[in-house]
Each structure stands twice: as structure tokens, then as C-alpha cells.
């Protein structure tokens, strides 16, 4: 097959066969790709979550390869499963693809999905999905998890006196996004291709930040371990620490007071950035497990759901797709 072959050159059956050949097999799948629906073996409750990535508001093809898109689509969904204290077992992937997209890019998406699962959640794989045509490249993923007999972890269990802790990075992906818009976009904010020369001009830390923005590495293994350790509430930080901490605080009817000096070397990015997909959790005092870092305390509900050193957070509160994104002509 020529690299010039595009999706419109193949039938749906042919394209699906190319995808299925690259996505691997879920360990807990009794029936996988090829039937009307997948059948999965589970030991406890089934956890299910869905996230959609759309060209424009969620990614820019000038910045993201097909592999990047597949990896990120898997990672962001797997993180939500881990935040419930569950073990990811399978993905269901729906692709809406314009006819002029090269077939090799679709194959790269499948490669990214498979390798993200292998690296982040061994035994998990794509077990089914759907393929359709669209004018905008869209990847919708449903992730399924197994609680292995444990109760699921909710956002609503935090209590005054608990410790607020986090596993994973904070602010690194936000730094990467700042670099992309600062170095690889035109004056109107339209994405420009990532060139070798442009990437070579970045420092090692800057390149790593860009990589974490395009291919996040959430601490998935820490979700089930937190559940075993007695976590009282937990969630994935996808839209910014302040915004997501507010969601947890509202669900639990408490206030989370974060300590600025515990938020790492760049507290402002840590507070507004979320695409590292860290796990935000609360634990009884003295029960914070290894690989979680204390960043604050849970107090009785006050005037604000989230405070930083007892005061209202400064600056942007996180990412809201309906408030923060507007299409740019030609983007």
C-alpha cells in the first residue's frame, strides 16, 4: 500500500481490517473485535467512561501525529477508570474519519491505542468500536474497568480532616501547551507544523513538556492501590487542578485547602493545568500511600469549595470547552 493511499480509497471492511490487525487483544475479552458486541470477563463491578477528541478544540493535526492521537485517546480514558479505583480491561473506539486522511495515519492511531494500553494498562486493549465518515477527524473512546470485587471510589467521600494528595505530574502538560502556542502557532493562534529545527531549539525540559501534552502518562496503577489504601474520594485531573478540585469538593460538600508550597516548582501551572491526568485523592490522616504526595487538607465546607493557603485561587480556574474554545477561521 502506498503512503499516498487515503481512507476514501478503501472500503469500510478493508479499513477496519487494517485497524483490527494493529490493536491487540484484551486479556479479559471472551469475544473481541469482529462480532456485534464484545463480551468481557469481570470479577467485580464494571466501570465505564467515555471521552471524545475532536480536531480543533481537543487537538491539532499540525501538532499531533496519528500515533499521538491514539495514545492520548487511550490515556485520557484509562485515567478516568483508574480514578474510580478500577483496573482497565478494554476500550471501545469509534473513529469518524474524513476521506482524505491517509490510511497510514489511521493505522498509526491504532498503533498509539495499542501501545498506550501495553505501556499504561497491560492486558487492556481495543475490544470493539465503530468506524464512520466525517468532515472532522473525531476519536470517541469508551473505557471499561473492573473493580475486582472492591467498591468503586467516588468523588463524594471526602471528609473534613482528610489529607488532600496527588499522584502524577502537575503543570508539565500545561507547559507543553504554552510552548506549542508560543513557538508553533502563528499570530492568530493557528497551529503550525512541528519542524525538526523548531523541536531541536527546545531545551530537554521543554521537549519533555511538549511530549507530555501530546502523549500524557497518567499514573494508572496508583488508582487501584489508592482504593486498597482506604482512599475516601478520588478523580482524574483533566481540566485543571482548581476546577477539578472544585468538582470533588462540591460532590463531597467540603472545602479543599491546597498549600501553594506543596504544588511543585511552578504552582501557577500546577493549579491551572490538567492534561497530565494526575490522580487527585483524599485519604484519612496517616493513610497516604507511597507515590501520592500531600498537597493540602480537607476542611468543613466554607464560603469557597477550593482555597489556596486559605484564600481564593488566583487566575484561570481550568478548561471549560464551552467557555474557553472558539473556532479559528482556517484552523
C-alpha atoms as a PDB file:
ATOM      1  CA  UNK A   1       0.000   0.000   0.000  1.00  0.00           C
ATOM      2  CA  UNK A   2       1.311   3.417  -0.941  1.00  0.00           C
ATOM      3  CA  UNK A   3       1.672   6.086   1.743  1.00  0.00           C
ATOM      4  CA  UNK A   4      -0.447   8.233  -0.568  1.00  0.00           C
ATOM      5  CA  UNK A   5      -3.445   5.908  -0.100  1.00  0.00           C
ATOM      6  CA  UNK A   6      -6.246   7.733   1.713  1.00  0.00           C
ATOM      7  CA  UNK A   7      -9.279   6.474   3.608  1.00  0.00           C
ATOM      8  CA  UNK A   8     -11.573   7.108   0.623  1.00  0.00           C
ATOM      9  CA  UNK A   9      -9.563   4.564  -1.415  1.00  0.00           C
ATOM     10  CA  UNK A  10     -10.625   1.681   0.858  1.00  0.00           C
ATOM     11  CA  UNK A  11     -13.929   0.083   1.796  1.00  0.00           C
ATOM     12  CA  UNK A  12     -15.076   0.140   5.420  1.00  0.00           C
ATOM     13  CA  UNK A  13     -14.284  -3.575   5.705  1.00  0.00           C
ATOM     14  CA  UNK A  14     -10.755  -3.080   4.405  1.00  0.00           C
ATOM     15  CA  UNK A  15     -10.052  -0.163   6.741  1.00  0.00           C
ATOM     16  CA  UNK A  16     -11.475  -1.993   9.741  1.00  0.00           C
ATOM     17  CA  UNK A  17      -9.276  -4.979   8.961  1.00  0.00           C
ATOM     18  CA  UNK A  18      -6.202  -2.763   8.959  1.00  0.00           C
ATOM     19  CA  UNK A  19      -7.202  -1.264  12.327  1.00  0.00           C
ATOM     20  CA  UNK A  20      -8.060  -4.610  13.933  1.00  0.00           C
ATOM     21  CA  UNK A  21      -4.716  -6.064  12.883  1.00  0.00           C
ATOM     22  CA  UNK A  22      -2.903  -3.448  14.967  1.00  0.00           C
ATOM     23  CA  UNK A  23      -4.910  -3.039  18.187  1.00  0.00           C
ATOM     24  CA  UNK A  24      -4.060  -6.229  20.103  1.00  0.00           C
ATOM     25  CA  UNK A  25      -6.328  -8.417  22.243  1.00  0.00           C
ATOM     26  CA  UNK A  26      -7.775  -7.542  25.642  1.00  0.00           C
ATOM     27  CA  UNK A  27      -6.874 -10.148  28.254  1.00  0.00           C
ATOM     28  CA  UNK A  28     -10.418 -10.214  29.655  1.00  0.00           C
ATOM     29  CA  UNK A  29     -12.195 -10.327  26.293  1.00  0.00           C
ATOM     30  CA  UNK A  30     -14.142 -13.521  25.674  1.00  0.00           C
ATOM     31  CA  UNK A  31     -15.284 -12.048  22.345  1.00  0.00           C
ATOM     32  CA  UNK A  32     -13.472  -9.095  20.819  1.00  0.00           C
ATOM     33  CA  UNK A  33     -13.427  -7.276  17.505  1.00  0.00           C
ATOM     34  CA  UNK A  34     -15.493  -8.928  14.767  1.00  0.00           C
ATOM     35  CA  UNK A  35     -18.886  -9.592  16.334  1.00  0.00           C
ATOM     36  CA  UNK A  36     -21.867  -7.345  17.068  1.00  0.00           C
ATOM     37  CA  UNK A  37     -20.523  -6.589  20.535  1.00  0.00           C
ATOM     38  CA  UNK A  38     -17.622  -7.524  22.773  1.00  0.00           C
ATOM     39  CA  UNK A  39     -18.015  -9.891  25.721  1.00  0.00           C
ATOM     40  CA  UNK A  40     -15.757  -9.272  28.710  1.00  0.00           C
ATOM     41  CA  UNK A  41     -14.984 -11.332  31.806  1.00  0.00           C
ATOM     42  CA  UNK A  42     -15.231  -9.309  35.056  1.00  0.00           C
ATOM     43  CA  UNK A  43     -14.779 -10.175  38.732  1.00  0.00           C
ATOM     44  CA  UNK A  44     -16.481  -7.142  40.274  1.00  0.00           C
ATOM     45  CA  UNK A  45     -18.451  -4.133  39.125  1.00  0.00           C
ATOM     46  CA  UNK A  46     -17.947  -2.705  35.630  1.00  0.00           C
ATOM     47  CA  UNK A  47     -16.704   0.896  35.465  1.00  0.00           C
ATOM     48  CA  UNK A  48     -17.430   2.696  32.172  1.00  0.00           C
ATOM     49  CA  UNK A  49     -16.397   6.121  30.908  1.00  0.00           C
ATOM     50  CA  UNK A  50     -16.345   7.942  27.563  1.00  0.00           C
ATOM     51  CA  UNK A  51     -14.246  10.798  26.214  1.00  0.00           C
ATOM     52  CA  UNK A  52     -14.182  12.342  22.747  1.00  0.00           C
ATOM     53  CA  UNK A  53     -11.280  14.071  20.994  1.00  0.00           C
ATOM     54  CA  UNK A  54     -12.262  16.377  18.113  1.00  0.00           C
ATOM     55  CA  UNK A  55      -9.870  18.032  15.678  1.00  0.00           C
ATOM     56  CA  UNK A  56      -9.894  21.706  16.676  1.00  0.00           C
ATOM     57  CA  UNK A  57     -10.925  22.031  20.300  1.00  0.00           C
ATOM     58  CA  UNK A  58      -9.080  18.931  21.547  1.00  0.00           C
ATOM     59  CA  UNK A  59      -6.082  18.520  19.249  1.00  0.00           C
ATOM     60  CA  UNK A  60      -4.394  19.999  16.186  1.00  0.00           C
ATOM     61  CA  UNK A  61      -3.210  17.644  13.452  1.00  0.00           C
ATOM     62  CA  UNK A  62      -0.318  20.018  12.761  1.00  0.00           C
ATOM     63  CA  UNK A  63       0.998  19.146  16.215  1.00  0.00           C
ATOM     64  CA  UNK A  64      -0.224  15.576  16.762  1.00  0.00           C
ATOM     65  CA  UNK A  65       0.703  12.512  14.736  1.00  0.00           C
ATOM     66  CA  UNK A  66      -1.763   9.666  14.374  1.00  0.00           C
ATOM     67  CA  UNK A  67       0.260   7.789  16.987  1.00  0.00           C
ATOM     68  CA  UNK A  68      -0.016  10.740  19.396  1.00  0.00           C
ATOM     69  CA  UNK A  69      -3.784  10.838  18.908  1.00  0.00           C
ATOM     70  CA  UNK A  70      -4.216   7.130  19.555  1.00  0.00           C
ATOM     71  CA  UNK A  71      -2.010   7.258  22.654  1.00  0.00           C
ATOM     72  CA  UNK A  72      -3.778  10.305  24.090  1.00  0.00           C
ATOM     73  CA  UNK A  73      -7.262   8.964  23.341  1.00  0.00           C
ATOM     74  CA  UNK A  74      -6.413   5.817  25.278  1.00  0.00           C
ATOM     75  CA  UNK A  75      -4.596   7.551  28.143  1.00  0.00           C
ATOM     76  CA  UNK A  76      -7.274  10.119  28.967  1.00  0.00           C
ATOM     77  CA  UNK A  77      -9.950   7.423  29.202  1.00  0.00           C
ATOM     78  CA  UNK A  78      -7.838   4.914  31.088  1.00  0.00           C
ATOM     79  CA  UNK A  79      -7.125   7.624  33.654  1.00  0.00           C
ATOM     80  CA  UNK A  80     -10.843   8.037  34.401  1.00  0.00           C
ATOM     81  CA  UNK A  81     -11.127   4.295  35.038  1.00  0.00           C
ATOM     82  CA  UNK A  82      -8.149   4.368  37.400  1.00  0.00           C
ATOM     83  CA  UNK A  83      -9.693   7.338  39.232  1.00  0.00           C
ATOM     84  CA  UNK A  84     -12.603   5.075  40.182  1.00  0.00           C
ATOM     85  CA  UNK A  85     -10.136   2.622  41.711  1.00  0.00           C
ATOM     86  CA  UNK A  86     -10.665   0.139  38.879  1.00  0.00           C
ATOM     87  CA  UNK A  87      -8.375  -1.860  36.625  1.00  0.00           C
ATOM     88  CA  UNK A  88      -8.789  -1.002  32.917  1.00  0.00           C
ATOM     89  CA  UNK A  89      -9.796  -4.042  30.895  1.00  0.00           C
ATOM     90  CA  UNK A  90     -10.929  -2.851  27.438  1.00  0.00           C
ATOM     91  CA  UNK A  91     -11.531   0.082  25.116  1.00  0.00           C
ATOM     92  CA  UNK A  92     -14.332   0.608  22.616  1.00  0.00           C
ATOM     93  CA  UNK A  93     -13.218   3.064  19.938  1.00  0.00           C
ATOM     94  CA  UNK A  94     -15.383   4.986  17.463  1.00  0.00           C
ATOM     95  CA  UNK A  95     -13.488   6.740  14.660  1.00  0.00           C
ATOM     96  CA  UNK A  96     -15.055   9.365  12.414  1.00  0.00           C
ATOM     97  CA  UNK A  97     -12.549   9.969   9.631  1.00  0.00           C
ATOM     98  CA  UNK A  98     -12.530  12.312   6.629  1.00  0.00           C
ATOM     99  CA  UNK A  99     -11.956  10.553   3.321  1.00  0.00           C
ATOM    100  CA  UNK A 100      -8.731  12.460   2.602  1.00  0.00           C
ATOM    101  CA  UNK A 101      -6.942  11.234   5.728  1.00  0.00           C
ATOM    102  CA  UNK A 102      -4.024   8.957   4.759  1.00  0.00           C
ATOM    103  CA  UNK A 103      -4.584   5.316   5.701  1.00  0.00           C
ATOM    104  CA  UNK A 104      -1.161   5.228   7.380  1.00  0.00           C
ATOM    105  CA  UNK A 105      -2.383   7.910   9.789  1.00  0.00           C
ATOM    106  CA  UNK A 106      -5.360   5.753  10.769  1.00  0.00           C
ATOM    107  CA  UNK A 107      -3.013   2.792  11.225  1.00  0.00           C
ATOM    108  CA  UNK A 108      -0.813   4.999  13.419  1.00  0.00           C
ATOM    109  CA  UNK A 109      -3.841   5.862  15.564  1.00  0.00           C
ATOM    110  CA  UNK A 110      -4.373   2.125  16.072  1.00  0.00           C
ATOM    111  CA  UNK A 111      -0.687   1.703  16.958  1.00  0.00           C
ATOM    112  CA  UNK A 112      -0.934   4.510  19.527  1.00  0.00           C
ATOM    113  CA  UNK A 113      -4.023   2.962  21.098  1.00  0.00           C
ATOM    114  CA  UNK A 114      -2.319  -0.423  21.388  1.00  0.00           C
ATOM    115  CA  UNK A 115       0.990   0.849  22.724  1.00  0.00           C
ATOM    116  CA  UNK A 116      -0.644   3.162  25.280  1.00  0.00           C
ATOM    117  CA  UNK A 117      -2.586   0.186  26.626  1.00  0.00           C
ATOM    118  CA  UNK A 118       0.524  -2.001  26.678  1.00  0.00           C
ATOM    119  CA  UNK A 119       2.565   0.636  28.499  1.00  0.00           C
ATOM    120  CA  UNK A 120      -0.040   2.054  30.881  1.00  0.00           C
ATOM    121  CA  UNK A 121      -2.547  -0.770  31.455  1.00  0.00           C
ATOM    122  CA  UNK A 122      -1.112  -4.168  30.426  1.00  0.00           C
ATOM    123  CA  UNK A 123      -3.873  -6.601  29.478  1.00  0.00           C
ATOM    124  CA  UNK A 124      -6.205  -3.854  28.281  1.00  0.00           C
ATOM    125  CA  UNK A 125      -6.800  -3.441  24.539  1.00  0.00           C
ATOM    126  CA  UNK A 126      -9.375  -2.332  21.988  1.00  0.00           C
ATOM    127  CA  UNK A 127     -12.247  -4.835  22.060  1.00  0.00           C
ATOM    128  CA  UNK A 128     -14.567  -3.196  19.526  1.00  0.00           C
ATOM    129  CA  UNK A 129     -15.975   0.066  18.247  1.00  0.00           C
ATOM    130  CA  UNK A 130     -17.265   1.773  15.136  1.00  0.00           C
ATOM    131  CA  UNK A 131     -15.978   3.469  12.002  1.00  0.00           C
ATOM    132  CA  UNK A 132     -17.724   6.196  10.041  1.00  0.00           C
ATOM    133  CA  UNK A 133     -17.083   9.118   7.713  1.00  0.00           C
ATOM    134  CA  UNK A 134     -16.983  12.730   8.880  1.00  0.00           C
ATOM    135  CA  UNK A 135     -15.694  16.091   7.753  1.00  0.00           C
ATOM    136  CA  UNK A 136     -13.795  16.378  11.073  1.00  0.00           C
ATOM    137  CA  UNK A 137     -11.450  13.745  12.479  1.00  0.00           C
ATOM    138  CA  UNK A 138     -13.006  12.553  15.736  1.00  0.00           C
ATOM    139  CA  UNK A 139     -11.959   9.809  18.156  1.00  0.00           C
ATOM    140  CA  UNK A 140     -14.501   8.703  20.753  1.00  0.00           C
ATOM    141  CA  UNK A 141     -13.321   6.125  23.275  1.00  0.00           C
ATOM    142  CA  UNK A 142     -15.277   4.212  25.904  1.00  0.00           C
ATOM    143  CA  UNK A 143     -13.023   2.666  28.545  1.00  0.00           C
ATOM    144  CA  UNK A 144     -14.178  -0.221  30.700  1.00  0.00           C
ATOM    145  CA  UNK A 145     -12.713  -1.274  34.032  1.00  0.00           C
ATOM    146  CA  UNK A 146     -13.126  -3.994  36.638  1.00  0.00           C
ATOM    147  CA  UNK A 147     -13.183  -3.193  40.362  1.00  0.00           C
ATOM    148  CA  UNK A 148     -12.020  -6.750  41.120  1.00  0.00           C
ATOM    149  CA  UNK A 149     -14.555  -7.020  43.934  1.00  0.00           C
ATOM    150  CA  UNK A 150     -13.776  -3.669  45.583  1.00  0.00           C
ATOM    151  CA  UNK A 151     -16.208  -0.793  45.941  1.00  0.00           C
ATOM    152  CA  UNK A 152     -15.749   1.931  43.326  1.00  0.00           C
ATOM    153  CA  UNK A 153     -14.131   5.151  44.512  1.00  0.00           C
ATOM    154  CA  UNK A 154     -16.343   8.234  44.100  1.00  0.00           C
ATOM    155  CA  UNK A 155     -15.779  11.984  44.312  1.00  0.00           C
ATOM    156  CA  UNK A 156     -18.249  12.286  47.145  1.00  0.00           C
ATOM    157  CA  UNK A 157     -16.447  10.623  50.046  1.00  0.00           C
ATOM    158  CA  UNK A 158     -14.010  13.295  51.248  1.00  0.00           C
ATOM    159  CA  UNK A 159     -14.449  14.347  54.888  1.00  0.00           C
ATOM    160  CA  UNK A 160     -13.107  17.193  56.993  1.00  0.00           C
ATOM    161  CA  UNK A 161      -9.759  16.169  58.439  1.00  0.00           C
ATOM    162  CA  UNK A 162      -8.704  14.132  55.403  1.00  0.00           C
ATOM    163  CA  UNK A 163      -5.428  14.805  53.637  1.00  0.00           C
ATOM    164  CA  UNK A 164      -5.514  16.020  50.000  1.00  0.00           C
ATOM    165  CA  UNK A 165      -2.908  14.211  47.914  1.00  0.00           C
ATOM    166  CA  UNK A 166      -1.967  13.747  44.282  1.00  0.00           C
ATOM    167  CA  UNK A 167      -0.191  11.121  42.188  1.00  0.00           C
ATOM    168  CA  UNK A 168       1.446  12.079  38.921  1.00  0.00           C
ATOM    169  CA  UNK A 169       2.745  15.298  37.436  1.00  0.00           C
ATOM    170  CA  UNK A 170       1.218  18.741  37.722  1.00  0.00           C
ATOM    171  CA  UNK A 171       1.646  21.533  35.191  1.00  0.00           C
ATOM    172  CA  UNK A 172       4.025  19.765  32.805  1.00  0.00           C
ATOM    173  CA  UNK A 173       1.432  19.247  30.049  1.00  0.00           C
ATOM    174  CA  UNK A 174       0.228  22.828  30.528  1.00  0.00           C
ATOM    175  CA  UNK A 175       3.818  23.973  29.978  1.00  0.00           C
ATOM    176  CA  UNK A 176       3.865  21.916  26.790  1.00  0.00           C
ATOM    177  CA  UNK A 177       0.681  23.566  25.548  1.00  0.00           C
ATOM    178  CA  UNK A 178       2.143  27.000  26.280  1.00  0.00           C
ATOM    179  CA  UNK A 179       5.207  26.060  24.217  1.00  0.00           C
ATOM    180  CA  UNK A 180       3.090  24.822  21.310  1.00  0.00           C
ATOM    181  CA  UNK A 181       1.049  28.019  21.163  1.00  0.00           C
ATOM    182  CA  UNK A 182       4.118  30.180  21.799  1.00  0.00           C
ATOM    183  CA  UNK A 183       6.547  28.555  19.338  1.00  0.00           C
ATOM    184  CA  UNK A 184       4.440  26.580  16.859  1.00  0.00           C
ATOM    185  CA  UNK A 185       1.456  28.841  16.116  1.00  0.00           C
ATOM    186  CA  UNK A 186       1.003  31.943  14.009  1.00  0.00           C
ATOM    187  CA  UNK A 187      -0.077  35.366  15.284  1.00  0.00           C
ATOM    188  CA  UNK A 188      -3.752  34.307  15.176  1.00  0.00           C
ATOM    189  CA  UNK A 189      -3.082  31.169  17.199  1.00  0.00           C
ATOM    190  CA  UNK A 190      -3.349  28.722  14.288  1.00  0.00           C
ATOM    191  CA  UNK A 191      -1.199  25.630  14.718  1.00  0.00           C
ATOM    192  CA  UNK A 192       1.894  25.339  12.541  1.00  0.00           C
ATOM    193  CA  UNK A 193       3.735  22.052  11.853  1.00  0.00           C
ATOM    194  CA  UNK A 194       6.291  20.839  14.366  1.00  0.00           C
ATOM    195  CA  UNK A 195       9.576  21.104  12.473  1.00  0.00           C
ATOM    196  CA  UNK A 196      12.822  19.335  13.329  1.00  0.00           C
ATOM    197  CA  UNK A 197      14.535  22.698  13.610  1.00  0.00           C
ATOM    198  CA  UNK A 198      11.861  24.033  15.958  1.00  0.00           C
ATOM    199  CA  UNK A 199      11.968  20.970  18.181  1.00  0.00           C
ATOM    200  CA  UNK A 200      15.779  20.965  18.240  1.00  0.00           C
ATOM    201  CA  UNK A 201      15.672  24.552  19.530  1.00  0.00           C
ATOM    202  CA  UNK A 202      13.790  23.437  22.664  1.00  0.00           C
ATOM    203  CA  UNK A 203      15.529  22.528  25.882  1.00  0.00           C
ATOM    204  CA  UNK A 204      15.271  18.952  27.133  1.00  0.00           C
ATOM    205  CA  UNK A 205      12.681  20.055  29.706  1.00  0.00           C
ATOM    206  CA  UNK A 206      10.654  21.861  27.030  1.00  0.00           C
ATOM    207  CA  UNK A 207      10.690  18.843  24.709  1.00  0.00           C
ATOM    208  CA  UNK A 208       9.517  16.641  27.561  1.00  0.00           C
ATOM    209  CA  UNK A 209       6.697  19.072  28.337  1.00  0.00           C
ATOM    210  CA  UNK A 210       5.536  19.017  24.699  1.00  0.00           C
ATOM    211  CA  UNK A 211       5.694  15.225  24.713  1.00  0.00           C
ATOM    212  CA  UNK A 212       3.582  15.045  27.879  1.00  0.00           C
ATOM    213  CA  UNK A 213       0.999  17.358  26.301  1.00  0.00           C
ATOM    214  CA  UNK A 214       0.758  15.175  23.190  1.00  0.00           C
ATOM    215  CA  UNK A 215       1.204  11.795  24.933  1.00  0.00           C
ATOM    216  CA  UNK A 216       0.246  12.000  28.631  1.00  0.00           C
ATOM    217  CA  UNK A 217       1.416   9.294  31.032  1.00  0.00           C
ATOM    218  CA  UNK A 218      -1.158   9.115  33.850  1.00  0.00           C
ATOM    219  CA  UNK A 219      -0.292   7.076  36.968  1.00  0.00           C
ATOM    220  CA  UNK A 220      -2.924   4.401  36.300  1.00  0.00           C
ATOM    221  CA  UNK A 221      -1.538   1.789  38.673  1.00  0.00           C
ATOM    222  CA  UNK A 222      -1.993   4.156  41.595  1.00  0.00           C
ATOM    223  CA  UNK A 223      -5.801   4.159  41.286  1.00  0.00           C
ATOM    224  CA  UNK A 224      -6.405   0.576  42.462  1.00  0.00           C
ATOM    225  CA  UNK A 225      -3.593   0.927  45.020  1.00  0.00           C
ATOM    226  CA  UNK A 226      -5.280   4.024  46.451  1.00  0.00           C
ATOM    227  CA  UNK A 227      -8.539   2.076  46.725  1.00  0.00           C
ATOM    228  CA  UNK A 228      -6.750  -0.636  48.675  1.00  0.00           C
ATOM    229  CA  UNK A 229      -5.186   2.001  50.955  1.00  0.00           C
ATOM    230  CA  UNK A 230      -8.544   3.441  52.006  1.00  0.00           C
ATOM    231  CA  UNK A 231      -8.893   6.485  49.757  1.00  0.00           C
ATOM    232  CA  UNK A 232     -12.069   8.405  50.588  1.00  0.00           C
ATOM    233  CA  UNK A 233     -12.520  10.282  47.278  1.00  0.00           C
ATOM    234  CA  UNK A 234     -10.607  10.439  44.009  1.00  0.00           C
ATOM    235  CA  UNK A 235     -10.783  11.861  40.497  1.00  0.00           C
ATOM    236  CA  UNK A 236      -8.701  12.386  37.392  1.00  0.00           C
ATOM    237  CA  UNK A 237      -7.314  15.918  36.952  1.00  0.00           C
ATOM    238  CA  UNK A 238      -8.107  16.603  33.301  1.00  0.00           C
ATOM    239  CA  UNK A 239      -9.370  20.200  33.239  1.00  0.00           C
ATOM    240  CA  UNK A 240      -7.108  21.868  35.798  1.00  0.00           C
ATOM    241  CA  UNK A 241      -6.424  21.289  39.486  1.00  0.00           C
ATOM    242  CA  UNK A 242      -8.590  24.185  40.708  1.00  0.00           C
ATOM    243  CA  UNK A 243     -11.590  23.246  38.548  1.00  0.00           C
ATOM    244  CA  UNK A 244     -11.388  19.527  39.254  1.00  0.00           C
ATOM    245  CA  UNK A 245     -10.742  20.047  42.962  1.00  0.00           C
ATOM    246  CA  UNK A 246     -13.885  22.211  42.953  1.00  0.00           C
ATOM    247  CA  UNK A 247     -15.853  19.307  41.454  1.00  0.00           C
ATOM    248  CA  UNK A 248     -14.596  16.931  44.148  1.00  0.00           C
ATOM    249  CA  UNK A 249     -15.271  19.474  46.893  1.00  0.00           C
ATOM    250  CA  UNK A 250     -18.808  20.115  45.626  1.00  0.00           C
ATOM    251  CA  UNK A 251     -19.555  16.387  45.409  1.00  0.00           C
ATOM    252  CA  UNK A 252     -18.286  15.864  48.976  1.00  0.00           C
ATOM    253  CA  UNK A 253     -19.711  19.144  50.355  1.00  0.00           C
ATOM    254  CA  UNK A 254     -16.352  20.140  51.819  1.00  0.00           C
ATOM    255  CA  UNK A 255     -13.599  22.658  51.109  1.00  0.00           C
ATOM    256  CA  UNK A 256     -10.181  21.618  49.810  1.00  0.00           C
ATOM    257  CA  UNK A 257      -7.452  23.936  51.084  1.00  0.00           C
ATOM    258  CA  UNK A 258      -4.349  23.490  48.935  1.00  0.00           C
ATOM    259  CA  UNK A 259      -0.854  24.508  50.058  1.00  0.00           C
ATOM    260  CA  UNK A 260       0.953  26.527  47.425  1.00  0.00           C
ATOM    261  CA  UNK A 261       4.397  25.461  48.595  1.00  0.00           C
ATOM    262  CA  UNK A 262       3.443  21.795  48.041  1.00  0.00           C
ATOM    263  CA  UNK A 263       2.440  22.270  44.394  1.00  0.00           C
ATOM    264  CA  UNK A 264       5.908  21.883  42.905  1.00  0.00           C
ATOM    265  CA  UNK A 265       8.270  24.295  41.166  1.00  0.00           C
ATOM    266  CA  UNK A 266       5.537  26.029  39.131  1.00  0.00           C
ATOM    267  CA  UNK A 267       2.428  26.379  41.340  1.00  0.00           C
ATOM    268  CA  UNK A 268       0.528  28.551  38.853  1.00  0.00           C
ATOM    269  CA  UNK A 269       0.760  25.943  36.085  1.00  0.00           C
ATOM    270  CA  UNK A 270       0.012  23.206  38.593  1.00  0.00           C
ATOM    271  CA  UNK A 271      -3.211  24.990  39.588  1.00  0.00           C
ATOM    272  CA  UNK A 272      -4.484  25.684  36.069  1.00  0.00           C
ATOM    273  CA  UNK A 273      -3.011  22.733  34.133  1.00  0.00           C
ATOM    274  CA  UNK A 274      -4.763  19.401  33.981  1.00  0.00           C
ATOM    275  CA  UNK A 275      -3.752  17.349  30.971  1.00  0.00           C
ATOM    276  CA  UNK A 276      -1.087  15.444  32.885  1.00  0.00           C
ATOM    277  CA  UNK A 277      -4.085  13.429  34.149  1.00  0.00           C
ATOM    278  CA  UNK A 278      -2.790  13.173  37.689  1.00  0.00           C
ATOM    279  CA  UNK A 279      -4.978  11.490  40.305  1.00  0.00           C
ATOM    280  CA  UNK A 280      -6.380  13.847  42.941  1.00  0.00           C
ATOM    281  CA  UNK A 281      -7.376  11.984  46.101  1.00  0.00           C
ATOM    282  CA  UNK A 282      -8.273  12.376  49.754  1.00  0.00           C
ATOM    283  CA  UNK A 283      -7.151   9.992  52.492  1.00  0.00           C
ATOM    284  CA  UNK A 284      -7.590   9.742  56.240  1.00  0.00           C
ATOM    285  CA  UNK A 285      -4.652  11.353  58.055  1.00  0.00           C
ATOM    286  CA  UNK A 286      -1.704   8.949  58.147  1.00  0.00           C
ATOM    287  CA  UNK A 287      -3.036   6.754  55.316  1.00  0.00           C
ATOM    288  CA  UNK A 288      -1.487   8.450  52.274  1.00  0.00           C
ATOM    289  CA  UNK A 289       0.167   5.640  50.268  1.00  0.00           C
ATOM    290  CA  UNK A 290       3.528   5.703  48.533  1.00  0.00           C
ATOM    291  CA  UNK A 291       3.553   7.618  45.202  1.00  0.00           C
ATOM    292  CA  UNK A 292       0.907  10.080  46.421  1.00  0.00           C
ATOM    293  CA  UNK A 293       2.122  13.488  47.625  1.00  0.00           C
ATOM    294  CA  UNK A 294       0.277  15.581  50.198  1.00  0.00           C
ATOM    295  CA  UNK A 295      -0.839  18.953  48.773  1.00  0.00           C
ATOM    296  CA  UNK A 296      -3.450  20.141  51.264  1.00  0.00           C
ATOM    297  CA  UNK A 297      -6.216  19.422  53.749  1.00  0.00           C
ATOM    298  CA  UNK A 298      -9.958  18.864  53.671  1.00  0.00           C
ATOM    299  CA  UNK A 299     -11.913  21.234  55.894  1.00  0.00           C
ATOM    300  CA  UNK A 300     -15.568  21.765  56.666  1.00  0.00           C
ATOM    301  CA  UNK A 301     -17.432  23.479  53.854  1.00  0.00           C
ATOM    302  CA  UNK A 302     -16.753  27.189  53.815  1.00  0.00           C
ATOM    303  CA  UNK A 303     -17.575  30.048  51.507  1.00  0.00           C
ATOM    304  CA  UNK A 304     -15.388  28.587  48.726  1.00  0.00           C
ATOM    305  CA  UNK A 305     -15.019  24.985  47.542  1.00  0.00           C
ATOM    306  CA  UNK A 306     -11.266  25.408  46.956  1.00  0.00           C
ATOM    307  CA  UNK A 307      -8.770  27.703  48.631  1.00  0.00           C
ATOM    308  CA  UNK A 308      -5.006  28.086  48.338  1.00  0.00           C
ATOM    309  CA  UNK A 309      -3.406  28.800  51.701  1.00  0.00           C
ATOM    310  CA  UNK A 310      -6.835  29.801  52.938  1.00  0.00           C
ATOM    311  CA  UNK A 311      -7.526  32.314  50.166  1.00  0.00           C
ATOM    312  CA  UNK A 312      -9.382  32.277  46.848  1.00  0.00           C
ATOM    313  CA  UNK A 313      -7.289  30.873  43.977  1.00  0.00           C
ATOM    314  CA  UNK A 314      -5.861  33.455  41.595  1.00  0.00           C
ATOM    315  CA  UNK A 315      -6.005  33.287  37.796  1.00  0.00           C
ATOM    316  CA  UNK A 316      -7.849  30.922  35.426  1.00  0.00           C
ATOM    317  CA  UNK A 317      -9.796  28.132  37.046  1.00  0.00           C
ATOM    318  CA  UNK A 318      -9.285  25.438  34.400  1.00  0.00           C
ATOM    319  CA  UNK A 319     -10.517  24.306  30.985  1.00  0.00           C
ATOM    320  CA  UNK A 320     -14.200  24.511  30.064  1.00  0.00           C
ATOM    321  CA  UNK A 321     -14.803  23.556  26.394  1.00  0.00           C
ATOM    322  CA  UNK A 322     -17.935  25.687  26.162  1.00  0.00           C
ATOM    323  CA  UNK A 323     -16.323  28.748  27.729  1.00  0.00           C
ATOM    324  CA  UNK A 324     -12.704  28.597  26.599  1.00  0.00           C
ATOM    325  CA  UNK A 325     -12.713  27.400  22.988  1.00  0.00           C
ATOM    326  CA  UNK A 326     -13.828  29.273  19.909  1.00  0.00           C
ATOM    327  CA  UNK A 327     -13.063  28.059  16.364  1.00  0.00           C
ATOM    328  CA  UNK A 328     -10.477  29.989  14.409  1.00  0.00           C
ATOM    329  CA  UNK A 329     -11.037  30.507  10.710  1.00  0.00           C
ATOM    330  CA  UNK A 330      -8.809  28.113   8.805  1.00  0.00           C
ATOM    331  CA  UNK A 331      -7.826  26.156  11.927  1.00  0.00           C
END
